[in-house]
Every structure is written in structure tokens, then in C-alpha cells.
Amino acid sequence: MATKDDIADLAGQLTSIERELKTIRRDLDDLCEKVKNVSGFRKKIDHALERIGAVERHLGIQKQALPDERHRPRLNDRRTQ
């Protein structure tokens, strides 16, 4: 059975993971803006964001929008075609 210390350690690890995922998401969003005319990079970035989203969903983390974040259509979004 998990002790209070075990749970506290897990909570600390989860906080660390959340912080790192937010940093990665912010960096990928910045990178996406810088290379939005290069579709190969955009596809890789979209794929990475999908994987991060899957990890966030698996961990039960709600994505918090960044203050300057706005909706960007994905490459495979039919509305952009």
C-alpha cells in the first residue's frame, strides 16, 4: 500500500512532468510559428503535439491555454483545405 510519502513523491513527479510538458508545448508552438511555411516541420510538430496531448490525457492533465495562444488549424484539418 502506498504511504503518504509515496503519494507526495508521485505528486512532485507529476508536477515536474506537467511543467516540462508545458515548456515543450510552448517551445513547439513557438517553433511552429517560426517555420509555418515549411510543411515538413509542421507535420513533425503536429505529430509531437498530438503525442504530448496523449500523454496529458493519460495523466489527466488539462491543457491550459497560454495567454498568447490562438487556434491554429492543423495540416490534416479538413477546414483548411
Foldseek 3Di string as FASTA:
>chain_A
DDDPVNVVVVVVVVVVVVVVLVVVLVVLVVVCVVPVVPVVSLVVSVVVVVVSVVVCVVVVHDDDDDPPDDDDDRPPRVVVD
